[in-house]
C-alpha atoms as a PDB file:
ATOM      1  CA  MET A   1       0.544  85.561 -16.234  1.00  0.00           C
ATOM      2  CA  SER A   2       0.604  83.544 -13.011  1.00  0.00           C
ATOM      3  CA  ASP A   3       0.610  79.753 -12.827  1.00  0.00           C
ATOM      4  CA  ASN A   4      -3.106  79.874 -11.977  1.00  0.00           C
ATOM      5  CA  GLY A   5      -3.705  81.955 -15.109  1.00  0.00           C
ATOM      6  CA  ASP A   6      -1.756  79.436 -17.199  1.00  0.00           C
ATOM      7  CA  ILE A   7      -3.819  76.593 -15.746  1.00  0.00           C
ATOM      8  CA  LEU A   8      -7.053  78.470 -16.523  1.00  0.00           C
ATOM      9  CA  ASP A   9      -5.903  79.115 -20.110  1.00  0.00           C
ATOM     10  CA  LYS A  10      -5.006  75.448 -20.603  1.00  0.00           C
ATOM     11  CA  ALA A  11      -8.285  74.264 -19.093  1.00  0.00           C
ATOM     12  CA  LEU A  12     -10.326  76.592 -21.289  1.00  0.00           C
ATOM     13  CA  THR A  13      -8.373  75.526 -24.381  1.00  0.00           C
ATOM     14  CA  LEU A  14      -9.147  71.877 -23.607  1.00  0.00           C
ATOM     15  CA  LEU A  15     -12.799  72.703 -22.975  1.00  0.00           C
ATOM     16  CA  LYS A  16     -13.429  74.561 -26.258  1.00  0.00           C
ATOM     17  CA  LEU A  17     -14.618  71.517 -28.194  1.00  0.00           C
ATOM     18  CA  PRO A  18     -16.882  70.169 -25.417  1.00  0.00           C
ATOM     19  CA  LEU A  19     -18.297  73.681 -24.915  1.00  0.00           C
ATOM     20  CA  LYS A  20     -19.108  73.944 -28.623  1.00  0.00           C
ATOM     21  CA  ILE A  21     -21.222  70.790 -28.560  1.00  0.00           C
ATOM     22  CA  MET A  22     -22.567  71.088 -25.011  1.00  0.00           C
ATOM     23  CA  PRO A  23     -26.187  72.270 -24.761  1.00  0.00           C
ATOM     24  CA  GLY A  24     -26.581  75.878 -23.689  1.00  0.00           C
ATOM     25  CA  TRP A  25     -28.393  74.943 -20.495  1.00  0.00           C
ATOM     26  CA  MET A  26     -25.366  72.924 -19.342  1.00  0.00           C
ATOM     27  CA  GLN A  27     -23.072  75.857 -20.046  1.00  0.00           C
ATOM     28  CA  ALA A  28     -25.426  78.128 -18.122  1.00  0.00           C
ATOM     29  CA  ILE A  29     -25.260  75.828 -15.098  1.00  0.00           C
ATOM     30  CA  GLY A  30     -21.464  75.897 -15.252  1.00  0.00           C
ATOM     31  CA  ALA A  31     -21.353  79.667 -15.695  1.00  0.00           C
ATOM     32  CA  GLY A  32     -23.793  80.064 -12.821  1.00  0.00           C
ATOM     33  CA  GLY A  33     -21.590  77.926 -10.589  1.00  0.00           C
ATOM     34  CA  VAL A  34     -18.488  79.941 -11.455  1.00  0.00           C
ATOM     35  CA  ILE A  35     -20.241  83.257 -10.877  1.00  0.00           C
ATOM     36  CA  SER A  36     -21.787  82.062  -7.597  1.00  0.00           C
ATOM     37  CA  ALA A  37     -18.374  80.946  -6.339  1.00  0.00           C
ATOM     38  CA  MET A  38     -16.880  84.257  -7.415  1.00  0.00           C
ATOM     39  CA  VAL A  39     -19.568  86.249  -5.598  1.00  0.00           C
ATOM     40  CA  GLU A  40     -19.366  84.167  -2.415  1.00  0.00           C
ATOM     41  CA  GLY A  41     -15.576  84.363  -2.408  1.00  0.00           C
ATOM     42  CA  ASN A  42     -15.394  88.152  -2.631  1.00  0.00           C
ATOM     43  CA  GLU A  43     -17.327  90.199  -0.088  1.00  0.00           C
ATOM     44  CA  ARG A  44     -16.467  93.523  -1.770  1.00  0.00           C
ATOM     45  CA  PHE A  45     -17.825  92.256  -5.091  1.00  0.00           C
ATOM     46  CA  LYS A  46     -20.956  90.986  -3.364  1.00  0.00           C
ATOM     47  CA  ARG A  47     -21.553  94.395  -1.732  1.00  0.00           C
ATOM     48  CA  ARG A  48     -21.318  96.168  -5.096  1.00  0.00           C
ATOM     49  CA  LEU A  49     -23.686  93.898  -7.034  1.00  0.00           C
ATOM     50  CA  PRO A  50     -26.797  95.919  -6.059  1.00  0.00           C
ATOM     51  CA  GLU A  51     -25.343  98.792  -8.127  1.00  0.00           C
ATOM     52  CA  LEU A  52     -26.181  96.672 -11.192  1.00  0.00           C
ATOM     53  CA  GLU A  53     -29.709  95.764 -10.045  1.00  0.00           C
ATOM     54  CA  GLY A  54     -31.951  94.864 -12.970  1.00  0.00           C
ATOM     55  CA  LYS A  55     -29.222  95.104 -15.620  1.00  0.00           C
ATOM     56  CA  LEU A  56     -29.045  92.274 -18.165  1.00  0.00           C
ATOM     57  CA  PHE A  57     -25.637  91.356 -19.606  1.00  0.00           C
ATOM     58  CA  LEU A  58     -25.176  89.061 -22.614  1.00  0.00           C
ATOM     59  CA  PHE A  59     -21.860  87.183 -22.802  1.00  0.00           C
ATOM     60  CA  CYS A  60     -21.004  85.792 -26.238  1.00  0.00           C
ATOM     61  CA  PRO A  61     -17.919  83.561 -26.371  1.00  0.00           C
ATOM     62  CA  THR A  62     -16.935  83.869 -30.029  1.00  0.00           C
ATOM     63  CA  ASP A  63     -15.082  80.565 -30.074  1.00  0.00           C
ATOM     64  CA  THR A  64     -17.941  78.395 -28.765  1.00  0.00           C
ATOM     65  CA  ASN A  65     -20.874  79.959 -30.642  1.00  0.00           C
ATOM     66  CA  LYS A  66     -22.962  79.852 -27.459  1.00  0.00           C
ATOM     67  CA  SER A  67     -24.090  82.676 -25.254  1.00  0.00           C
ATOM     68  CA  PHE A  68     -25.720  83.308 -21.912  1.00  0.00           C
ATOM     69  CA  CYS A  69     -27.117  86.248 -19.998  1.00  0.00           C
ATOM     70  CA  MET A  70     -26.451  87.362 -16.484  1.00  0.00           C
ATOM     71  CA  THR A  71     -28.767  89.628 -14.553  1.00  0.00           C
ATOM     72  CA  ILE A  72     -28.605  91.040 -11.064  1.00  0.00           C
ATOM     73  CA  ARG A  73     -31.686  90.542  -8.901  1.00  0.00           C
ATOM     74  CA  ASN A  74     -31.844  91.323  -5.202  1.00  0.00           C
ATOM     75  CA  GLY A  75     -28.061  91.652  -5.103  1.00  0.00           C
ATOM     76  CA  GLU A  76     -27.443  88.224  -6.643  1.00  0.00           C
ATOM     77  CA  ALA A  77     -26.130  87.258 -10.071  1.00  0.00           C
ATOM     78  CA  THR A  78     -28.461  84.942 -11.991  1.00  0.00           C
ATOM     79  CA  ILE A  79     -27.780  83.189 -15.301  1.00  0.00           C
ATOM     80  CA  ILE A  80     -30.535  83.285 -17.942  1.00  0.00           C
ATOM     81  CA  LEU A  81     -30.462  81.436 -21.263  1.00  0.00           C
ATOM     82  CA  HIS A  82     -33.481  83.020 -22.918  1.00  0.00           C
ATOM     83  CA  PRO A  83     -34.110  86.559 -21.695  1.00  0.00           C
ATOM     84  CA  GLU A  84     -37.589  87.987 -21.966  1.00  0.00           C
ATOM     85  CA  ARG A  85     -36.349  91.469 -22.738  1.00  0.00           C
ATOM     86  CA  GLU A  86     -33.594  93.217 -24.629  1.00  0.00           C
ATOM     87  CA  VAL A  87     -30.162  93.042 -23.008  1.00  0.00           C
ATOM     88  CA  ASP A  88     -28.511  96.155 -21.599  1.00  0.00           C
ATOM     89  CA  VAL A  89     -24.915  95.217 -22.451  1.00  0.00           C
ATOM     90  CA  THR A  90     -23.374  92.676 -24.842  1.00  0.00           C
ATOM     91  CA  MET A  91     -19.808  91.454 -24.332  1.00  0.00           C
ATOM     92  CA  LYS A  92     -18.135  89.393 -27.046  1.00  0.00           C
ATOM     93  CA  GLY A  93     -14.734  87.736 -26.949  1.00  0.00           C
ATOM     94  CA  GLU A  94     -12.987  84.403 -26.739  1.00  0.00           C
ATOM     95  CA  ILE A  95     -14.038  82.245 -23.827  1.00  0.00           C
ATOM     96  CA  ARG A  96     -10.669  82.670 -22.108  1.00  0.00           C
ATOM     97  CA  VAL A  97     -11.117  86.456 -22.218  1.00  0.00           C
ATOM     98  CA  LEU A  98     -14.688  86.354 -20.886  1.00  0.00           C
ATOM     99  CA  ALA A  99     -13.805  83.807 -18.188  1.00  0.00           C
ATOM    100  CA  GLY A 100     -10.715  85.788 -17.244  1.00  0.00           C
ATOM    101  CA  LEU A 101     -12.813  88.926 -17.045  1.00  0.00           C
ATOM    102  CA  LEU A 102     -15.455  87.336 -14.804  1.00  0.00           C
ATOM    103  CA  LEU A 103     -12.808  85.753 -12.576  1.00  0.00           C
ATOM    104  CA  GLY A 104     -10.773  88.954 -12.258  1.00  0.00           C
ATOM    105  CA  ARG A 105      -7.784  87.392 -14.040  1.00  0.00           C
ATOM    106  CA  VAL A 106      -7.589  89.865 -16.938  1.00  0.00           C
ATOM    107  CA  ASP A 107      -7.620  93.639 -16.950  1.00  0.00           C
ATOM    108  CA  PRO A 108     -10.916  94.827 -18.485  1.00  0.00           C
ATOM    109  CA  ASP A 109      -9.329  97.930 -20.023  1.00  0.00           C
ATOM    110  CA  THR A 110      -6.508  95.947 -21.615  1.00  0.00           C
ATOM    111  CA  VAL A 111      -8.794  93.399 -23.296  1.00  0.00           C
ATOM    112  CA  PHE A 112     -11.131  96.155 -24.476  1.00  0.00           C
ATOM    113  CA  PHE A 113      -8.440  98.425 -25.922  1.00  0.00           C
ATOM    114  CA  THR A 114      -6.616  95.504 -27.571  1.00  0.00           C
ATOM    115  CA  ARG A 115      -9.946  94.549 -29.179  1.00  0.00           C
ATOM    116  CA  LYS A 116     -10.057  91.150 -27.502  1.00  0.00           C
ATOM    117  CA  LEU A 117     -13.360  92.215 -25.957  1.00  0.00           C
ATOM    118  CA  GLU A 118     -16.191  93.962 -27.788  1.00  0.00           C
ATOM    119  CA  ILE A 119     -18.756  95.802 -25.693  1.00  0.00           C
ATOM    120  CA  THR A 120     -22.026  97.250 -26.994  1.00  0.00           C
ATOM    121  CA  GLY A 121     -25.102  98.674 -25.314  1.00  0.00           C
ATOM    122  CA  ASP A 122     -25.528 100.700 -22.122  1.00  0.00           C
ATOM    123  CA  THR A 123     -22.085 102.260 -21.678  1.00  0.00           C
ATOM    124  CA  ALA A 124     -22.705 103.321 -18.077  1.00  0.00           C
ATOM    125  CA  ALA A 125     -23.695  99.760 -17.048  1.00  0.00           C
ATOM    126  CA  ALA A 126     -20.705  98.299 -18.914  1.00  0.00           C
ATOM    127  CA  ILE A 127     -18.291 100.689 -17.194  1.00  0.00           C
ATOM    128  CA  LEU A 128     -19.846  99.967 -13.806  1.00  0.00           C
ATOM    129  CA  LEU A 129     -19.462  96.192 -14.339  1.00  0.00           C
ATOM    130  CA  LYS A 130     -15.886  96.748 -15.530  1.00  0.00           C
ATOM    131  CA  ASN A 131     -15.083  98.754 -12.403  1.00  0.00           C
ATOM    132  CA  ILE A 132     -16.624  96.128 -10.133  1.00  0.00           C
ATOM    133  CA  LEU A 133     -14.688  93.349 -11.906  1.00  0.00           C
ATOM    134  CA  ALA A 134     -11.480  95.388 -11.685  1.00  0.00           C
ATOM    135  CA  ASP A 135     -11.860  95.272  -7.881  1.00  0.00           C
ATOM    136  CA  LEU A 136     -11.621  91.454  -7.847  1.00  0.00           C
END
C-alpha cells in the first residue's frame, strides 16, 4: 500500500473511538464532505453517477456500529441518515475498507472475495457502483 494508504489507515484507526461515540448526523456530514470532494475531484466518476440515479446504498461500518445511506439524485451523491424507503444495496465492512472503497484506495473485487466486504441487495446496482469506484 502507498504512503497515502498507510496514512489513511492510521487516521481511520485513530478515529474509530470518536466515530463510535459521535452522533450519526456528524458522521453523515463528514461522509458527505468526503464523497463531495471525491466527486468534484474526478470528472469521470462525476459523469458516471447518473447511471446510479435513484439508487439507495446503505454503508454499515462494522467497527463503529453506525451507518449512513447514499443516494444519487440529479447526478449528485447525497448522504441520508434516515431513508424513507428500503435500500437497494447494503455494504458492510470495517470503516477502513468502506472508506478505501469510496476513495478508490482498495480494489472492490479483492475486499469482496476476501470477505472484508459484504454486499446484499440489488446485485446489478452493486456491480455498477463497484465498476464506477474501480475507475477512480
